[in-house]
Amino acid sequence: MLNISKNTVNQKVDLTTYKSTQTVFHKRHYKHFNRFLLASAIFGLIFIFLPWTQNIRGKGALTTLKPDQRPQTIQSTIPGKIEKWYVQEGDYVQKGDTILFISEVKNEYFDPRLVERTRMQINAKEMSVSSYQGKVKALNTQIGALSNGRSLKLAQARNKLLQSKLKVKSDSIDLKAAETNLRIAERQYERIVQLEEEGLFALTDVEEKRLKLQETQAKIISQENKLLASKNEVINAEIEINSVQADYIDKISKAESDMRTAQSSQFDSEAQVTKLENQFTNYEIRNDLYYIRATQSGLINRTLKAGLGETFKEGEELVSIMPQNYDKAVEMFVAPIDLPLVHKGEKVRIQFDGWPVIIFSGWPNASYGTYGGVVFAIENFMSTNGKYRVLLIQDPEEKPWPDELRVGSGTNTIALLEDVPIWYELWRQINGFPPNFYQPDTAISKK
């Protein structure tokens, strides 16, 4: 039939004699086949001009909108040993319900009366503080008494000094008077001697005057001694003032030193009381931590530690709990090339695992079993899978998501973009071009 060889079969064999040949090459079938081809061509031509909604498809999972509504684990802030479980997997617990009881594994907390003994230490230290306060008060009283005594002693010594100075002044005047009397006595003696030589007075009168002169001279010497004694008293009074000051300064300084020492001991005891009170509070809180309680109402998913007597470190996960009330959301991952096409508030179609669905990605209105979502947040940093995470929430304008959904179930998402003809979408897919750059009307109006 291809005329490759010069030996042609159709010239030697009559094909028309065969039934199959008569059926295939019957001319009446050409007309119907041509009509089918023409109709198919017209339908295909019309089809490629139908509108097609460009979209971005992605995979994700069901999550919660708020971080505190997601599945979480309960840890212990202290190390311990499991003593008793109060729940089992699948139980529902209220916030504050006891999940398990643990005991101590550190030897410094083994004493069952640790809190009571710490309180006794606090009471003893508080009494010590009171004693030091009394000692400080007594020393302050002693310092006040010494200060008053010093004032009185100094006043007495200053009065004595003033008296000594006045006595020196009085003795000085008496000395001057004695010197005057001596000069008078000398002149009288000289005159009486001269008159005696002239025969006017007797020898006895001269002797009387000589005796009086000697008495006056002796009185001067006595008065000089008294004056020197008075000056010595002044010096002694000044020395006594200095001695009083030095003596009381020493006593007051010693009392103040004792007071400072007592205050230092008082402050140290107060610091120890504060430290013990801190320990007492820590011990009370630690005793309360022996009971692991639910942080919020929810369902016990899994116990991560099993058995009794099992020890664990602080911060280790003990049990997983799923909160009772949570706002559903879907996390969708898109490629970096498609990220500029996704905007907050855009519509997204979601297919949940386990729900029957018929999807026409380019004709969302013809799809069945999908649910509406709205872009709520877009992550600014790439995830570990090389894509960007987009958070979706339920579209309030469409039917609500099924109540039977569970956090962690898989989803397929379709982010709807611009409407284009089918021929354009086929051309784009064949050439590997990205979808048309798309911005919603709200974003354009903001500009």
Protein backbone atom coordinates (compact mmCIF):
# COMPACT_ATOMS: atom_id res chain seq x y z
CA MET A 1 0.00 0.00 0.00
CA LEU A 2 2.95 2.30 0.51
CA ASN A 3 4.27 1.45 -2.96
CA ILE A 4 7.70 0.65 -1.59
CA SER A 5 7.99 -2.46 -3.71
CA LYS A 6 7.20 -2.81 -7.39
CA ASN A 7 5.22 -5.97 -6.60
CA THR A 8 1.78 -4.49 -5.87
CA VAL A 9 -0.68 -6.68 -4.04
CA ASN A 10 -3.83 -4.85 -5.13
CA GLN A 11 -3.18 -5.85 -8.71
CA LYS A 12 -2.95 -9.53 -7.84
CA VAL A 13 -5.55 -9.72 -5.02
CA ASP A 14 -9.09 -8.40 -5.16
CA LEU A 15 -9.77 -6.79 -1.77
CA THR A 16 -13.39 -6.14 -2.50
CA THR A 17 -14.18 -9.76 -2.09
CA TYR A 18 -13.52 -9.53 1.67
CA LYS A 19 -16.32 -8.58 4.02
CA SER A 20 -14.18 -6.34 6.24
CA THR A 21 -13.01 -4.35 3.25
CA GLN A 22 -16.55 -3.80 2.14
CA THR A 23 -17.47 -2.57 5.62
CA VAL A 24 -14.55 -0.14 6.00
CA PHE A 25 -14.41 1.36 2.56
CA HIS A 26 -18.12 1.84 2.14
CA LYS A 27 -18.61 5.39 0.87
CA ARG A 28 -21.78 6.07 2.82
CA HIS A 29 -19.73 6.33 6.12
CA TYR A 30 -17.64 9.25 4.92
CA LYS A 31 -20.53 11.68 5.07
CA HIS A 32 -21.35 11.01 8.76
CA PHE A 33 -17.70 11.02 9.74
CA ASN A 34 -17.12 14.37 8.04
CA ARG A 35 -20.11 15.83 9.83
CA PHE A 36 -18.72 14.57 13.13
CA LEU A 37 -15.36 16.14 12.42
CA LEU A 38 -16.96 19.44 11.43
CA ALA A 39 -19.12 19.52 14.56
CA SER A 40 -16.14 18.65 16.71
CA ALA A 41 -14.12 21.43 15.10
CA ILE A 42 -16.90 23.97 15.63
CA PHE A 43 -17.34 22.83 19.26
CA GLY A 44 -13.60 22.96 19.88
CA LEU A 45 -13.40 26.44 18.34
CA ILE A 46 -16.22 27.66 20.58
CA PHE A 47 -14.72 25.83 23.59
CA ILE A 48 -11.32 27.50 23.40
CA PHE A 49 -13.00 30.91 23.57
CA LEU A 50 -14.92 30.05 26.75
CA PRO A 51 -13.79 31.90 29.92
CA TRP A 52 -11.35 30.12 32.23
CA THR A 53 -10.45 31.28 35.74
CA GLN A 54 -6.72 31.19 36.33
CA ASN A 55 -5.85 29.71 39.72
CA ILE A 56 -3.06 28.72 42.00
CA ARG A 57 -3.35 25.26 43.48
CA GLY A 58 -1.69 24.25 46.71
CA LYS A 59 -1.77 21.77 49.55
CA GLY A 60 -2.08 22.46 53.22
CA ALA A 61 -3.67 21.35 56.46
CA LEU A 62 -6.38 22.43 58.83
CA THR A 63 -5.10 24.47 61.78
CA THR A 64 -6.42 27.06 64.23
CA LEU A 65 -6.48 30.81 63.90
CA LYS A 66 -5.02 31.59 67.32
CA PRO A 67 -1.83 29.98 68.68
CA ASP A 68 -3.36 29.14 72.07
CA GLN A 69 -6.12 27.13 70.34
CA ARG A 70 -3.75 24.64 68.69
CA PRO A 71 -2.83 21.24 70.13
CA GLN A 72 -0.37 21.77 72.93
CA THR A 73 1.63 19.81 75.41
CA ILE A 74 1.73 20.23 79.16
CA GLN A 75 5.17 20.29 80.77
CA SER A 76 6.39 20.28 84.33
CA THR A 77 8.51 23.20 85.48
CA ILE A 78 10.34 20.96 87.97
CA PRO A 79 11.87 17.49 87.62
CA GLY A 80 10.00 14.69 89.29
CA LYS A 81 8.71 11.14 89.36
CA ILE A 82 5.22 10.09 88.27
CA GLU A 83 3.20 8.84 91.24
CA LYS A 84 -0.42 8.78 90.01
CA TRP A 85 -2.44 9.44 86.85
CA TYR A 86 -5.91 10.96 87.18
CA VAL A 87 -6.85 10.86 83.45
CA GLN A 88 -6.55 8.58 80.46
CA GLU A 89 -6.35 9.24 76.75
CA GLY A 90 -9.65 10.47 75.33
CA ASP A 91 -10.86 12.04 78.60
CA TYR A 92 -12.29 15.53 78.57
CA VAL A 93 -10.86 17.87 81.23
CA GLN A 94 -11.80 21.31 82.43
CA LYS A 95 -9.28 24.06 83.03
CA GLY A 96 -7.58 23.46 86.39
CA ASP A 97 -8.40 19.74 86.59
CA THR A 98 -5.61 17.57 88.00
CA ILE A 99 -3.97 15.38 85.37
CA LEU A 100 -1.27 13.63 87.40
CA PHE A 101 0.62 13.79 90.68
CA ILE A 102 4.43 13.76 90.86
CA SER A 103 6.98 13.51 93.66
CA GLU A 104 10.44 14.94 94.24
CA VAL A 105 13.69 13.54 92.86
CA LYS A 106 16.10 16.16 94.30
CA ASN A 107 17.48 15.37 97.75
CA GLU A 108 17.33 18.98 98.96
CA TYR A 109 13.52 18.85 98.77
CA PHE A 110 12.94 15.40 100.32
CA ASP A 111 12.03 16.74 103.78
CA PRO A 112 8.21 16.54 104.11
CA ARG A 113 8.28 19.34 106.72
CA LEU A 114 10.49 21.60 104.62
CA VAL A 115 7.95 24.43 104.49
CA GLU A 116 7.25 24.22 108.23
CA ARG A 117 10.94 24.24 109.15
CA THR A 118 11.58 27.18 106.85
CA ARG A 119 8.80 29.09 108.62
CA MET A 120 10.47 28.33 111.98
CA GLN A 121 13.77 29.69 110.64
CA ILE A 122 11.98 32.85 109.53
CA ASN A 123 10.43 33.31 112.98
CA ALA A 124 13.84 32.85 114.67
CA LYS A 125 15.48 35.36 112.36
CA GLU A 126 12.65 37.83 112.94
CA MET A 127 13.26 37.56 116.70
CA SER A 128 16.96 38.17 116.06
CA VAL A 129 16.04 41.28 114.10
CA SER A 130 13.91 42.49 117.03
CA SER A 131 16.82 41.92 119.43
CA TYR A 132 19.17 43.92 117.27
CA GLN A 133 16.58 46.66 117.01
CA GLY A 134 16.39 46.81 120.84
CA LYS A 135 20.17 46.93 121.09
CA VAL A 136 20.33 49.77 118.56
CA LYS A 137 17.66 51.65 120.51
CA ALA A 138 19.56 51.17 123.81
CA LEU A 139 22.81 52.35 122.26
CA ASN A 140 21.04 55.40 120.83
CA THR A 141 19.79 56.18 124.36
CA GLN A 142 23.31 55.70 125.72
CA ILE A 143 24.75 58.02 123.08
CA GLY A 144 22.16 60.64 124.00
CA ALA A 145 23.00 60.34 127.70
CA LEU A 146 26.73 60.64 126.97
CA SER A 147 26.11 63.70 124.84
CA ASN A 148 24.11 65.33 127.63
CA GLY A 149 26.79 64.40 130.20
CA ARG A 150 29.48 65.84 127.97
CA SER A 151 27.56 69.10 127.66
CA LEU A 152 27.18 69.37 131.45
CA LYS A 153 30.81 68.49 132.11
CA LEU A 154 32.04 70.98 129.54
CA ALA A 155 29.80 73.67 131.01
CA GLN A 156 31.18 72.93 134.49
CA ALA A 157 34.77 72.98 133.23
CA ARG A 158 34.21 76.22 131.34
CA ASN A 159 32.74 77.80 134.48
CA LYS A 160 35.78 76.69 136.46
CA LEU A 161 38.02 78.16 133.76
CA LEU A 162 36.12 81.42 133.94
CA GLN A 163 36.46 81.45 137.73
CA SER A 164 40.19 80.80 137.45
CA LYS A 165 40.58 83.64 134.98
CA LEU A 166 38.65 85.97 137.29
CA LYS A 167 40.82 84.89 140.20
CA VAL A 168 43.95 85.63 138.14
CA LYS A 169 42.57 89.06 137.45
CA SER A 170 41.74 89.61 141.15
CA ASP A 171 45.22 88.43 142.22
CA SER A 172 46.81 90.69 139.64
CA ILE A 173 44.98 93.67 141.14
CA ASP A 174 46.00 92.61 144.64
CA LEU A 175 49.62 92.37 143.44
CA LYS A 176 49.45 95.87 142.02
CA ALA A 177 48.04 97.14 145.32
CA ALA A 178 50.83 95.38 147.24
CA GLU A 179 53.44 96.93 144.95
CA THR A 180 51.92 100.35 145.60
CA ASN A 181 51.95 99.69 149.34
CA LEU A 182 55.62 98.64 149.04
CA ARG A 183 56.58 101.85 147.34
CA ILE A 184 54.72 103.86 149.99
CA ALA A 185 56.37 101.86 152.76
CA GLU A 186 59.81 102.40 151.19
CA ARG A 187 59.29 106.14 150.95
CA GLN A 188 58.00 106.30 154.53
CA TYR A 189 60.99 104.31 155.75
CA GLU A 190 63.42 106.58 153.93
CA ARG A 191 61.79 109.69 155.40
CA ILE A 192 61.69 108.26 158.91
CA VAL A 193 65.36 107.33 158.68
CA GLN A 194 66.26 110.83 157.54
CA LEU A 195 64.16 112.41 160.29
CA GLU A 196 65.68 110.08 162.87
CA GLU A 197 69.13 111.20 161.78
CA GLU A 198 67.99 114.77 162.25
CA GLY A 199 66.74 113.86 165.72
CA LEU A 200 63.10 114.36 165.01
CA PHE A 201 62.03 110.72 165.53
CA ALA A 202 63.16 108.07 167.87
CA LEU A 203 64.91 104.87 166.85
CA THR A 204 61.87 102.87 167.75
CA ASP A 205 59.87 104.67 165.08
CA VAL A 206 62.51 103.75 162.50
CA GLU A 207 62.34 100.12 163.56
CA GLU A 208 58.55 100.15 163.25
CA LYS A 209 58.79 101.50 159.73
CA ARG A 210 61.48 98.92 158.86
CA LEU A 211 59.18 96.16 160.15
CA LYS A 212 56.28 97.48 158.16
CA LEU A 213 58.45 97.63 155.04
CA GLN A 214 59.45 94.00 155.50
CA GLU A 215 55.83 92.98 155.99
CA THR A 216 54.92 94.78 152.77
CA GLN A 217 57.72 93.02 150.90
CA ALA A 218 56.59 89.66 152.25
CA LYS A 219 53.02 90.44 151.20
CA ILE A 220 54.18 91.13 147.63
CA ILE A 221 55.92 87.76 147.48
CA SER A 222 52.80 86.07 148.85
CA GLN A 223 50.64 87.90 146.32
CA GLU A 224 52.92 86.85 143.45
CA ASN A 225 52.62 83.23 144.59
CA LYS A 226 48.85 83.56 144.66
CA LEU A 227 48.88 84.99 141.15
CA LEU A 228 51.00 82.14 139.84
CA ALA A 229 48.70 79.66 141.55
CA SER A 230 45.68 81.28 139.89
CA LYS A 231 47.36 81.07 136.46
CA ASN A 232 48.05 77.39 137.11
CA GLU A 233 44.37 76.92 137.90
CA VAL A 234 43.48 78.48 134.52
CA ILE A 235 45.82 76.05 132.76
CA ASN A 236 44.39 73.15 134.74
CA ALA A 237 40.83 74.22 133.82
CA GLU A 238 41.74 74.29 130.10
CA ILE A 239 43.37 70.88 130.40
CA GLU A 240 40.27 69.57 132.15
CA ILE A 241 38.06 70.84 129.29
CA ASN A 242 40.22 69.04 126.74
CA SER A 243 40.24 65.94 128.91
CA VAL A 244 36.43 65.97 129.20
CA GLN A 245 36.05 66.37 125.46
CA ALA A 246 38.50 63.57 124.69
CA ASP A 247 36.96 61.26 127.28
CA TYR A 248 33.40 61.73 126.06
CA ILE A 249 34.42 61.57 122.40
CA ASP A 250 35.97 58.18 123.10
CA LYS A 251 32.87 56.95 124.94
CA ILE A 252 30.44 58.28 122.32
CA SER A 253 32.55 56.92 119.46
CA LYS A 254 32.61 53.47 121.07
CA ALA A 255 28.83 53.57 121.59
CA GLU A 256 28.28 54.68 117.99
CA SER A 257 30.58 51.90 116.78
CA ASP A 258 28.59 49.38 118.79
CA MET A 259 25.36 50.84 117.37
CA ARG A 260 26.67 50.57 113.78
CA THR A 261 27.69 46.97 114.45
CA ALA A 262 24.25 46.22 115.84
CA GLN A 263 22.61 47.93 112.84
CA SER A 264 24.79 45.93 110.49
CA SER A 265 23.77 42.71 112.23
CA GLN A 266 20.15 43.87 112.11
CA PHE A 267 20.29 44.55 108.38
CA ASP A 268 22.03 41.24 107.78
CA SER A 269 19.31 39.44 109.73
CA GLU A 270 16.62 41.30 107.78
CA ALA A 271 18.30 40.23 104.53
CA GLN A 272 18.34 36.63 105.77
CA VAL A 273 14.66 36.93 106.70
CA THR A 274 13.86 38.18 103.20
CA LYS A 275 15.87 35.34 101.67
CA LEU A 276 14.11 32.79 103.87
CA GLU A 277 10.72 34.25 103.01
CA ASN A 278 11.66 33.95 99.34
CA GLN A 279 12.62 30.31 99.89
CA PHE A 280 9.41 29.73 101.86
CA THR A 281 7.31 31.09 98.99
CA ASN A 282 9.28 29.03 96.47
CA TYR A 283 8.76 25.89 98.56
CA GLU A 284 5.02 26.57 98.81
CA ILE A 285 4.77 27.09 95.05
CA ARG A 286 6.91 24.01 94.44
CA ASN A 287 4.59 21.90 96.60
CA ASP A 288 1.68 23.12 94.48
CA LEU A 289 3.57 22.12 91.31
CA TYR A 290 3.45 18.47 92.35
CA TYR A 291 -0.06 18.44 90.90
CA ILE A 292 0.03 18.87 87.10
CA ARG A 293 -3.18 20.62 86.06
CA ALA A 294 -4.87 21.33 82.72
CA THR A 295 -4.04 24.78 81.38
CA GLN A 296 -7.38 24.96 79.52
CA SER A 297 -10.44 22.87 78.80
CA GLY A 298 -9.96 20.23 76.14
CA LEU A 299 -9.47 16.61 75.19
CA ILE A 300 -6.52 14.49 76.30
CA ASN A 301 -4.95 13.41 73.01
CA ARG A 302 -1.95 11.42 74.18
CA THR A 303 0.05 10.73 77.33
CA LEU A 304 3.70 11.20 76.40
CA LYS A 305 4.98 9.63 79.63
CA ALA A 306 3.65 6.27 80.74
CA GLY A 307 3.69 4.17 83.86
CA LEU A 308 4.33 4.91 87.50
CA GLY A 309 7.73 5.73 88.91
CA GLU A 310 9.02 7.14 85.61
CA THR A 311 11.26 10.15 86.15
CA PHE A 312 11.57 13.18 83.91
CA LYS A 313 13.44 16.45 83.72
CA GLU A 314 11.99 19.94 83.94
CA GLY A 315 10.44 21.11 80.69
CA GLU A 316 9.78 17.61 79.34
CA GLU A 317 6.42 17.05 77.66
CA LEU A 318 4.05 14.92 79.74
CA VAL A 319 0.67 14.98 78.01
CA SER A 320 -0.87 16.42 74.83
CA ILE A 321 -4.19 18.24 75.01
CA MET A 322 -6.48 19.64 72.32
CA PRO A 323 -8.45 22.77 73.38
CA GLN A 324 -12.20 22.49 73.35
CA ASN A 325 -13.04 25.70 71.52
CA TYR A 326 -11.03 26.85 68.55
CA ASP A 327 -11.45 28.92 65.38
CA LYS A 328 -10.71 26.84 62.28
CA ALA A 329 -8.23 28.03 59.69
CA VAL A 330 -6.35 26.50 56.78
CA GLU A 331 -2.67 26.96 56.10
CA MET A 332 -1.86 26.95 52.37
CA PHE A 333 1.64 26.87 50.89
CA VAL A 334 2.32 28.69 47.61
CA ALA A 335 5.46 28.84 45.48
CA PRO A 336 7.52 32.07 45.53
CA ILE A 337 6.63 32.74 41.88
CA ASP A 338 2.91 32.79 42.78
CA LEU A 339 3.23 34.82 46.00
CA PRO A 340 2.76 38.28 44.34
CA LEU A 341 -0.61 37.05 43.00
CA VAL A 342 -2.01 36.35 46.49
CA HIS A 343 -3.58 39.23 48.45
CA LYS A 344 -5.40 39.54 51.73
CA GLY A 345 -9.17 39.22 51.42
CA GLU A 346 -9.10 37.16 48.19
CA LYS A 347 -11.43 34.20 47.69
CA VAL A 348 -10.05 30.65 47.83
CA ARG A 349 -11.79 27.31 47.22
CA ILE A 350 -10.91 24.54 49.67
CA GLN A 351 -11.23 20.77 49.41
CA PHE A 352 -11.10 18.94 52.73
CA ASP A 353 -9.81 15.38 52.95
CA GLY A 354 -12.64 12.92 53.45
CA TRP A 355 -15.37 15.04 51.87
CA PRO A 356 -16.64 14.05 48.35
CA VAL A 357 -15.84 16.65 45.78
CA ILE A 358 -16.00 17.25 42.02
CA ILE A 359 -13.56 19.97 41.02
CA PHE A 360 -13.39 22.06 37.87
CA SER A 361 -10.52 24.35 38.80
CA GLY A 362 -11.22 26.81 35.96
CA TRP A 363 -14.97 26.85 36.57
CA PRO A 364 -15.39 27.23 40.34
CA ASN A 365 -19.16 27.68 40.03
CA ALA A 366 -19.44 24.22 38.46
CA SER A 367 -17.42 22.54 41.23
CA TYR A 368 -19.14 20.50 43.91
CA GLY A 369 -18.07 19.77 47.48
CA THR A 370 -15.61 22.67 47.89
CA TYR A 371 -15.85 25.29 50.61
CA GLY A 372 -15.10 28.97 50.54
CA GLY A 373 -12.16 30.59 52.24
CA VAL A 374 -10.62 34.07 52.49
CA VAL A 375 -6.93 34.94 52.71
CA PHE A 376 -6.35 36.20 56.25
CA ALA A 377 -2.55 36.47 56.53
CA ILE A 378 0.51 35.95 54.35
CA GLU A 379 3.83 34.89 55.85
CA ASN A 380 6.79 37.12 54.99
CA PHE A 381 9.43 34.47 55.48
CA MET A 382 9.87 31.27 53.49
CA SER A 383 9.02 28.02 55.25
CA THR A 384 11.32 25.01 55.42
CA ASN A 385 9.59 23.43 52.40
CA GLY A 386 10.68 26.32 50.15
CA LYS A 387 7.21 27.87 49.95
CA TYR A 388 5.35 30.70 51.66
CA ARG A 389 2.62 30.00 54.17
CA VAL A 390 -0.78 31.62 53.65
CA LEU A 391 -3.47 31.47 56.35
CA LEU A 392 -7.12 31.11 55.26
CA ILE A 393 -10.29 31.62 57.28
CA GLN A 394 -13.88 30.69 56.60
CA ASP A 395 -15.73 32.83 54.06
CA PRO A 396 -18.68 34.35 55.96
CA GLU A 397 -20.66 34.73 52.72
CA GLU A 398 -20.72 30.99 52.00
CA LYS A 399 -21.79 27.83 53.78
CA PRO A 400 -19.90 27.07 56.96
CA TRP A 401 -17.16 24.48 57.12
CA PRO A 402 -18.12 21.03 58.45
CA ASP A 403 -18.15 20.66 62.22
CA GLU A 404 -16.55 17.22 61.93
CA LEU A 405 -13.26 18.68 60.71
CA ARG A 406 -10.26 17.95 62.91
CA VAL A 407 -7.09 19.96 63.24
CA GLY A 408 -4.29 18.48 61.16
CA SER A 409 -6.43 17.02 58.34
CA GLY A 410 -5.16 17.67 54.83
CA THR A 411 -6.60 20.17 52.35
CA ASN A 412 -6.29 21.10 48.69
CA THR A 413 -6.72 24.78 47.91
CA ILE A 414 -7.47 26.72 44.74
CA ALA A 415 -6.80 30.45 44.80
CA LEU A 416 -8.93 32.12 42.12
CA LEU A 417 -7.28 34.74 39.92
CA GLU A 418 -8.21 36.42 36.61
CA ASP A 419 -10.67 35.17 33.96
CA VAL A 420 -8.98 34.41 30.61
CA PRO A 421 -10.01 32.42 27.46
CA ILE A 422 -9.23 28.72 27.45
CA TRP A 423 -6.94 29.07 24.41
CA TYR A 424 -4.83 31.59 26.36
CA GLU A 425 -4.60 29.29 29.37
CA LEU A 426 -3.56 26.36 27.14
CA TRP A 427 -0.94 28.53 25.47
CA ARG A 428 0.33 29.66 28.88
CA GLN A 429 0.53 26.13 30.25
CA ILE A 430 2.33 24.84 27.14
CA ASN A 431 4.96 27.61 27.40
CA GLY A 432 5.29 27.33 31.18
CA PHE A 433 4.40 31.01 31.80
CA PRO A 434 3.11 32.12 35.22
CA PRO A 435 -0.47 33.37 35.58
CA ASN A 436 -1.24 36.98 34.70
CA PHE A 437 -0.19 39.50 37.33
CA TYR A 438 -3.34 40.07 39.29
CA GLN A 439 -4.44 42.67 41.79
CA PRO A 440 -7.92 42.86 43.32
CA ASP A 441 -10.02 45.96 42.85
CA THR A 442 -9.63 46.87 46.54
CA ALA A 443 -5.84 47.06 46.20
CA ILE A 444 -6.14 49.28 43.09
CA SER A 445 -8.60 51.63 44.79
CA LYS A 446 -6.24 52.07 47.78
CA LYS A 447 -3.56 53.40 45.45
